[in-house]
Amino acid sequence: AQWAGAVGDVDGHRKAAEQFARRTLLPLLA
């Protein structure tokens, strides 16, 4: 992945993906 936060922070990357999924991905698909 291209890290969404600090390099190596899997948990931070995952939580950023949660926000992206709700706020950006779903509206795009809708």
PDB file of all heavy atoms in Angstrom:
ATOM      1  N   ALA A   1       0.829  -1.212   0.000  1.00  0.00           N
ATOM      2  CA  ALA A   1       0.000   0.000   0.000  1.00  0.00           C
ATOM      3  C   ALA A   1       0.859   1.256   0.000  1.00  0.00           C
ATOM      4  O   ALA A   1       2.011   1.249   0.435  1.00  0.00           O
ATOM      5  CB  ALA A   1      -0.908  -0.007   1.226  1.00  0.00           C
ATOM      6  N   GLN A   2       0.269   2.343  -0.487  1.00  0.00           N
ATOM      7  CA  GLN A   2       0.819   3.671  -0.255  1.00  0.00           C
ATOM      8  C   GLN A   2       0.251   4.127   1.090  1.00  0.00           C
ATOM      9  O   GLN A   2      -0.936   4.366   1.221  1.00  0.00           O
ATOM     10  CB  GLN A   2       0.409   4.626  -1.373  1.00  0.00           C
ATOM     11  CG  GLN A   2       0.947   4.256  -2.736  1.00  0.00           C
ATOM     12  CD  GLN A   2       2.456   4.376  -2.805  1.00  0.00           C
ATOM     13  OE1 GLN A   2       3.029   5.341  -2.309  1.00  0.00           O
ATOM     14  NE2 GLN A   2       3.104   3.391  -3.423  1.00  0.00           N
ATOM     15  N   TRP A   3       1.092   4.232   2.106  1.00  0.00           N
ATOM     16  CA  TRP A   3       0.623   4.406   3.476  1.00  0.00           C
ATOM     17  C   TRP A   3      -0.215   5.662   3.633  1.00  0.00           C
ATOM     18  O   TRP A   3       0.167   6.746   3.182  1.00  0.00           O
ATOM     19  CB  TRP A   3       1.804   4.447   4.446  1.00  0.00           C
ATOM     20  CG  TRP A   3       2.562   3.155   4.457  1.00  0.00           C
ATOM     21  CD1 TRP A   3       3.693   2.857   3.765  1.00  0.00           C
ATOM     22  CD2 TRP A   3       2.213   1.977   5.188  1.00  0.00           C
ATOM     23  NE1 TRP A   3       4.082   1.565   4.009  1.00  0.00           N
ATOM     24  CE2 TRP A   3       3.200   0.994   4.888  1.00  0.00           C
ATOM     25  CE3 TRP A   3       1.177   1.644   6.061  1.00  0.00           C
ATOM     26  CZ2 TRP A   3       3.168  -0.279   5.431  1.00  0.00           C
ATOM     27  CZ3 TRP A   3       1.147   0.375   6.606  1.00  0.00           C
ATOM     28  CH2 TRP A   3       2.123  -0.570   6.295  1.00  0.00           C
ATOM     29  N   ALA A   4      -1.372   5.512   4.303  1.00  0.00           N
ATOM     30  CA  ALA A   4      -2.240   6.656   4.568  1.00  0.00           C
ATOM     31  C   ALA A   4      -1.729   7.486   5.737  1.00  0.00           C
ATOM     32  O   ALA A   4      -2.111   8.639   5.900  1.00  0.00           O
ATOM     33  CB  ALA A   4      -3.663   6.177   4.861  1.00  0.00           C
ATOM     34  N   GLY A   5      -0.890   6.897   6.570  1.00  0.00           N
ATOM     35  CA  GLY A   5      -0.294   7.604   7.700  1.00  0.00           C
ATOM     36  C   GLY A   5       1.173   7.263   7.796  1.00  0.00           C
ATOM     37  O   GLY A   5       1.886   7.244   6.784  1.00  0.00           O
ATOM     38  N   ALA A   6       1.617   6.977   9.007  1.00  0.00           N
ATOM     39  CA  ALA A   6       3.022   6.638   9.213  1.00  0.00           C
ATOM     40  C   ALA A   6       3.361   5.309   8.541  1.00  0.00           C
ATOM     41  O   ALA A   6       2.562   4.369   8.565  1.00  0.00           O
ATOM     42  CB  ALA A   6       3.323   6.562  10.710  1.00  0.00           C
ATOM     43  N   VAL A   7       4.538   5.253   7.943  1.00  0.00           N
ATOM     44  CA  VAL A   7       4.978   4.028   7.275  1.00  0.00           C
ATOM     45  C   VAL A   7       5.065   2.897   8.306  1.00  0.00           C
ATOM     46  O   VAL A   7       5.647   3.057   9.382  1.00  0.00           O
ATOM     47  CB  VAL A   7       6.348   4.232   6.596  1.00  0.00           C
ATOM     48  CG1 VAL A   7       6.873   2.910   6.043  1.00  0.00           C
ATOM     49  CG2 VAL A   7       6.231   5.282   5.499  1.00  0.00           C
ATOM     50  N   GLY A   8       4.448   1.766   7.971  1.00  0.00           N
ATOM     51  CA  GLY A   8       4.455   0.616   8.858  1.00  0.00           C
ATOM     52  C   GLY A   8       3.308   0.551   9.842  1.00  0.00           C
ATOM     53  O   GLY A   8       3.153  -0.447  10.553  1.00  0.00           O
ATOM     54  N   ASP A   9       2.467   1.568   9.884  1.00  0.00           N
ATOM     55  CA  ASP A   9       1.341   1.597  10.820  1.00  0.00           C
ATOM     56  C   ASP A   9       0.110   0.979  10.144  1.00  0.00           C
ATOM     57  O   ASP A   9      -0.727   1.685   9.572  1.00  0.00           O
ATOM     58  CB  ASP A   9       1.056   3.037  11.255  1.00  0.00           C
ATOM     59  CG  ASP A   9      -0.060   3.140  12.285  1.00  0.00           C
ATOM     60  OD1 ASP A   9      -0.567   2.083  12.723  1.00  0.00           O
ATOM     61  OD2 ASP A   9      -0.434   4.276  12.637  1.00  0.00           O
ATOM     62  N   VAL A  10      -0.006  -0.347  10.221  1.00  0.00           N
ATOM     63  CA  VAL A  10      -1.113  -1.051   9.587  1.00  0.00           C
ATOM     64  C   VAL A  10      -2.440  -0.617  10.189  1.00  0.00           C
ATOM     65  O   VAL A  10      -3.430  -0.404   9.475  1.00  0.00           O
ATOM     66  CB  VAL A  10      -0.938  -2.582   9.722  1.00  0.00           C
ATOM     67  CG1 VAL A  10      -2.162  -3.321   9.191  1.00  0.00           C
ATOM     68  CG2 VAL A  10       0.321  -3.036   8.990  1.00  0.00           C
ATOM     69  N   ASP A  11      -2.480  -0.457  11.510  1.00  0.00           N
ATOM     70  CA  ASP A  11      -3.729  -0.082  12.175  1.00  0.00           C
ATOM     71  C   ASP A  11      -4.181   1.310  11.736  1.00  0.00           C
ATOM     72  O   ASP A  11      -5.364   1.546  11.477  1.00  0.00           O
ATOM     73  CB  ASP A  11      -3.542  -0.128  13.695  1.00  0.00           C
ATOM     74  CG  ASP A  11      -4.861  -0.198  14.440  1.00  0.00           C
ATOM     75  OD1 ASP A  11      -5.721  -1.018  14.056  1.00  0.00           O
ATOM     76  OD2 ASP A  11      -5.038   0.570  15.406  1.00  0.00           O
ATOM     77  N   GLY A  12      -3.256   2.238  11.628  1.00  0.00           N
ATOM     78  CA  GLY A  12      -3.601   3.582  11.175  1.00  0.00           C
ATOM     79  C   GLY A  12      -4.090   3.580   9.733  1.00  0.00           C
ATOM     80  O   GLY A  12      -5.036   4.292   9.375  1.00  0.00           O
ATOM     81  N   HIS A  13      -3.441   2.787   8.885  1.00  0.00           N
ATOM     82  CA  HIS A  13      -3.850   2.667   7.480  1.00  0.00           C
ATOM     83  C   HIS A  13      -5.267   2.093   7.389  1.00  0.00           C
ATOM     84  O   HIS A  13      -6.092   2.572   6.611  1.00  0.00           O
ATOM     85  CB  HIS A  13      -2.849   1.761   6.756  1.00  0.00           C
ATOM     86  CG  HIS A  13      -3.062   1.685   5.283  1.00  0.00           C
ATOM     87  ND1 HIS A  13      -2.669   2.673   4.410  1.00  0.00           N
ATOM     88  CD2 HIS A  13      -3.638   0.716   4.509  1.00  0.00           C
ATOM     89  CE1 HIS A  13      -2.977   2.334   3.175  1.00  0.00           C
ATOM     90  NE2 HIS A  13      -3.568   1.147   3.210  1.00  0.00           N
ATOM     91  N   ARG A  14      -5.545   1.080   8.209  1.00  0.00           N
ATOM     92  CA  ARG A  14      -6.871   0.447   8.211  1.00  0.00           C
ATOM     93  C   ARG A  14      -7.946   1.435   8.649  1.00  0.00           C
ATOM     94  O   ARG A  14      -9.025   1.497   8.048  1.00  0.00           O
ATOM     95  CB  ARG A  14      -6.840  -0.762   9.145  1.00  0.00           C
ATOM     96  CG  ARG A  14      -8.170  -1.430   9.390  1.00  0.00           C
ATOM     97  CD  ARG A  14      -8.011  -2.669  10.239  1.00  0.00           C
ATOM     98  NE  ARG A  14      -7.522  -2.392  11.575  1.00  0.00           N
ATOM     99  CZ  ARG A  14      -8.284  -2.043  12.601  1.00  0.00           C
ATOM    100  NH1 ARG A  14      -9.592  -1.875  12.420  1.00  0.00           N
ATOM    101  NH2 ARG A  14      -7.766  -1.837  13.796  1.00  0.00           N
ATOM    102  N   LYS A  15      -7.678   2.216   9.682  1.00  0.00           N
ATOM    103  CA  LYS A  15      -8.679   3.168  10.174  1.00  0.00           C
ATOM    104  C   LYS A  15      -8.919   4.296   9.166  1.00  0.00           C
ATOM    105  O   LYS A  15     -10.046   4.774   9.011  1.00  0.00           O
ATOM    106  CB  LYS A  15      -8.248   3.724  11.527  1.00  0.00           C
ATOM    107  CG  LYS A  15      -8.321   2.669  12.625  1.00  0.00           C
ATOM    108  CD  LYS A  15      -7.870   3.202  13.974  1.00  0.00           C
ATOM    109  CE  LYS A  15      -8.008   2.123  15.051  1.00  0.00           C
ATOM    110  NZ  LYS A  15      -7.521   2.577  16.377  1.00  0.00           N
ATOM    111  N   ALA A  16      -7.857   4.704   8.474  1.00  0.00           N
ATOM    112  CA  ALA A  16      -8.042   5.695   7.405  1.00  0.00           C
ATOM    113  C   ALA A  16      -8.901   5.117   6.291  1.00  0.00           C
ATOM    114  O   ALA A  16      -9.737   5.815   5.694  1.00  0.00           O
ATOM    115  CB  ALA A  16      -6.688   6.135   6.866  1.00  0.00           C
ATOM    116  N   ALA A  17      -8.732   3.824   6.006  1.00  0.00           N
ATOM    117  CA  ALA A  17      -9.542   3.156   4.980  1.00  0.00           C
ATOM    118  C   ALA A  17     -11.006   3.079   5.395  1.00  0.00           C
ATOM    119  O   ALA A  17     -11.906   3.154   4.544  1.00  0.00           O
ATOM    120  CB  ALA A  17      -8.991   1.756   4.705  1.00  0.00           C
ATOM    121  N   GLU A  18     -11.278   2.931   6.691  1.00  0.00           N
ATOM    122  CA  GLU A  18     -12.665   2.926   7.166  1.00  0.00           C
ATOM    123  C   GLU A  18     -13.346   4.260   6.845  1.00  0.00           C
ATOM    124  O   GLU A  18     -14.482   4.290   6.344  1.00  0.00           O
ATOM    125  CB  GLU A  18     -12.702   2.675   8.679  1.00  0.00           C
ATOM    126  CG  GLU A  18     -12.265   1.292   9.104  1.00  0.00           C
ATOM    127  CD  GLU A  18     -12.252   1.137  10.620  1.00  0.00           C
ATOM    128  OE1 GLU A  18     -12.684   2.096  11.317  1.00  0.00           O
ATOM    129  OE2 GLU A  18     -11.815   0.085  11.116  1.00  0.00           O
ATOM    130  N   GLN A  19     -12.654   5.353   7.141  1.00  0.00           N
ATOM    131  CA  GLN A  19     -13.235   6.665   6.868  1.00  0.00           C
ATOM    132  C   GLN A  19     -13.410   6.896   5.364  1.00  0.00           C
ATOM    133  O   GLN A  19     -14.416   7.449   4.912  1.00  0.00           O
ATOM    134  CB  GLN A  19     -12.347   7.760   7.483  1.00  0.00           C
ATOM    135  CG  GLN A  19     -12.266   7.706   8.995  1.00  0.00           C
ATOM    136  CD  GLN A  19     -13.635   7.792   9.651  1.00  0.00           C
ATOM    137  OE1 GLN A  19     -14.450   8.646   9.311  1.00  0.00           O
ATOM    138  NE2 GLN A  19     -13.896   6.879  10.590  1.00  0.00           N
ATOM    139  N   PHE A  20     -12.421   6.456   4.596  1.00  0.00           N
ATOM    140  CA  PHE A  20     -12.521   6.594   3.143  1.00  0.00           C
ATOM    141  C   PHE A  20     -13.701   5.796   2.597  1.00  0.00           C
ATOM    142  O   PHE A  20     -14.444   6.273   1.728  1.00  0.00           O
ATOM    143  CB  PHE A  20     -11.220   6.108   2.496  1.00  0.00           C
ATOM    144  CG  PHE A  20     -11.242   6.112   0.991  1.00  0.00           C
ATOM    145  CD1 PHE A  20     -10.970   7.278   0.281  1.00  0.00           C
ATOM    146  CD2 PHE A  20     -11.548   4.957   0.276  1.00  0.00           C
ATOM    147  CE1 PHE A  20     -11.001   7.283  -1.110  1.00  0.00           C
ATOM    148  CE2 PHE A  20     -11.580   4.953  -1.097  1.00  0.00           C
ATOM    149  CZ  PHE A  20     -11.305   6.115  -1.794  1.00  0.00           C
ATOM    150  N   ALA A  21     -13.897   4.591   3.108  1.00  0.00           N
ATOM    151  CA  ALA A  21     -14.992   3.744   2.623  1.00  0.00           C
ATOM    152  C   ALA A  21     -16.337   4.394   2.857  1.00  0.00           C
ATOM    153  O   ALA A  21     -17.227   4.343   1.993  1.00  0.00           O
ATOM    154  CB  ALA A  21     -14.928   2.378   3.313  1.00  0.00           C
ATOM    155  N   ARG A  22     -16.514   5.007   4.018  1.00  0.00           N
ATOM    156  CA  ARG A  22     -17.804   5.609   4.350  1.00  0.00           C
ATOM    157  C   ARG A  22     -18.026   6.948   3.646  1.00  0.00           C
ATOM    158  O   ARG A  22     -19.114   7.217   3.149  1.00  0.00           O
ATOM    159  CB  ARG A  22     -17.887   5.817   5.866  1.00  0.00           C
ATOM    160  CG  ARG A  22     -18.292   4.564   6.630  1.00  0.00           C
ATOM    161  CD  ARG A  22     -18.325   4.829   8.113  1.00  0.00           C
ATOM    162  NE  ARG A  22     -19.092   3.802   8.812  1.00  0.00           N
ATOM    163  CZ  ARG A  22     -18.977   3.540  10.104  1.00  0.00           C
ATOM    164  NH1 ARG A  22     -18.114   4.219  10.829  1.00  0.00           N
ATOM    165  NH2 ARG A  22     -19.718   2.603  10.668  1.00  0.00           N
ATOM    166  N   ARG A  23     -17.000   7.766   3.645  1.00  0.00           N
ATOM    167  CA  ARG A  23     -17.179   9.156   3.227  1.00  0.00           C
ATOM    168  C   ARG A  23     -16.878   9.409   1.748  1.00  0.00           C
ATOM    169  O   ARG A  23     -17.313  10.423   1.191  1.00  0.00           O
ATOM    170  CB  ARG A  23     -16.294  10.068   4.079  1.00  0.00           C
ATOM    171  CG  ARG A  23     -16.672  10.036   5.554  1.00  0.00           C
ATOM    172  CD  ARG A  23     -15.753  10.898   6.393  1.00  0.00           C
ATOM    173  NE  ARG A  23     -16.156  10.907   7.795  1.00  0.00           N
ATOM    174  CZ  ARG A  23     -15.505  11.537   8.764  1.00  0.00           C
ATOM    175  NH1 ARG A  23     -14.392  12.220   8.469  1.00  0.00           N
ATOM    176  NH2 ARG A  23     -15.935  11.485  10.001  1.00  0.00           N
ATOM    177  N   THR A  24     -16.122   8.501   1.122  1.00  0.00           N
ATOM    178  CA  THR A  24     -15.728   8.733  -0.276  1.00  0.00           C
ATOM    179  C   THR A  24     -16.161   7.598  -1.198  1.00  0.00           C
ATOM    180  O   THR A  24     -16.776   7.852  -2.245  1.00  0.00           O
ATOM    181  CB  THR A  24     -14.201   8.914  -0.363  1.00  0.00           C
ATOM    182  OG1 THR A  24     -13.791   9.956   0.525  1.00  0.00           O
ATOM    183  CG2 THR A  24     -13.784   9.263  -1.783  1.00  0.00           C
ATOM    184  N   LEU A  25     -15.856   6.350  -0.832  1.00  0.00           N
ATOM    185  CA  LEU A  25     -16.134   5.235  -1.728  1.00  0.00           C
ATOM    186  C   LEU A  25     -17.633   5.025  -1.921  1.00  0.00           C
ATOM    187  O   LEU A  25     -18.097   4.891  -3.068  1.00  0.00           O
ATOM    188  CB  LEU A  25     -15.480   3.961  -1.189  1.00  0.00           C
ATOM    189  CG  LEU A  25     -15.700   2.690  -2.019  1.00  0.00           C
ATOM    190  CD1 LEU A  25     -15.197   2.888  -3.446  1.00  0.00           C
ATOM    191  CD2 LEU A  25     -15.016   1.497  -1.365  1.00  0.00           C
ATOM    192  N   LEU A  26     -18.387   4.990  -0.832  1.00  0.00           N
ATOM    193  CA  LEU A  26     -19.835   4.770  -0.967  1.00  0.00           C
ATOM    194  C   LEU A  26     -20.516   5.866  -1.783  1.00  0.00           C
ATOM    195  O   LEU A  26     -21.322   5.569  -2.674  1.00  0.00           O
ATOM    196  CB  LEU A  26     -20.493   4.640   0.408  1.00  0.00           C
ATOM    197  CG  LEU A  26     -20.723   3.220   0.915  1.00  0.00           C
ATOM    198  CD1 LEU A  26     -21.346   3.250   2.310  1.00  0.00           C
ATOM    199  CD2 LEU A  26     -21.606   2.421  -0.031  1.00  0.00           C
ATOM    200  N   PRO A  27     -20.232   7.153  -1.538  1.00  0.00           N
ATOM    201  CA  PRO A  27     -20.826   8.195  -2.393  1.00  0.00           C
ATOM    202  C   PRO A  27     -20.456   8.047  -3.871  1.00  0.00           C
ATOM    203  O   PRO A  27     -21.289   8.273  -4.754  1.00  0.00           O
ATOM    204  CB  PRO A  27     -20.271   9.495  -1.807  1.00  0.00           C
ATOM    205  CG  PRO A  27     -20.015   9.175  -0.372  1.00  0.00           C
ATOM    206  CD  PRO A  27     -19.539   7.741  -0.374  1.00  0.00           C
ATOM    207  N   LEU A  28     -19.205   7.673  -4.144  1.00  0.00           N
ATOM    208  CA  LEU A  28     -18.792   7.455  -5.533  1.00  0.00           C
ATOM    209  C   LEU A  28     -19.656   6.379  -6.182  1.00  0.00           C
ATOM    210  O   LEU A  28     -20.190   6.566  -7.286  1.00  0.00           O
ATOM    211  CB  LEU A  28     -17.325   7.037  -5.578  1.00  0.00           C
ATOM    212  CG  LEU A  28     -16.860   6.443  -6.925  1.00  0.00           C
ATOM    213  CD1 LEU A  28     -16.606   7.545  -7.931  1.00  0.00           C
ATOM    214  CD2 LEU A  28     -15.614   5.587  -6.742  1.00  0.00           C
ATOM    215  N   LEU A  29     -19.797   5.238  -5.507  1.00  0.00           N
ATOM    216  CA  LEU A  29     -20.572   4.138  -6.070  1.00  0.00           C
ATOM    217  C   LEU A  29     -22.042   4.507  -6.191  1.00  0.00           C
ATOM    218  O   LEU A  29     -22.706   4.118  -7.159  1.00  0.00           O
ATOM    219  CB  LEU A  29     -20.410   2.892  -5.186  1.00  0.00           C
ATOM    220  CG  LEU A  29     -18.979   2.349  -5.035  1.00  0.00           C
ATOM    221  CD1 LEU A  29     -18.958   1.175  -4.074  1.00  0.00           C
ATOM    222  CD2 LEU A  29     -18.416   1.944  -6.388  1.00  0.00           C
ATOM    223  N   ALA A  30     -22.551   5.247  -5.225  1.00  0.00           N
ATOM    224  CA  ALA A  30     -23.967   5.614  -5.248  1.00  0.00           C
ATOM    225  C   ALA A  30     -24.286   6.581  -6.386  1.00  0.00           C
ATOM    226  O   ALA A  30     -25.363   6.512  -6.982  1.00  0.00           O
ATOM    227  CB  ALA A  30     -24.365   6.232  -3.909  1.00  0.00           C
TER     228      ALA A  30
END
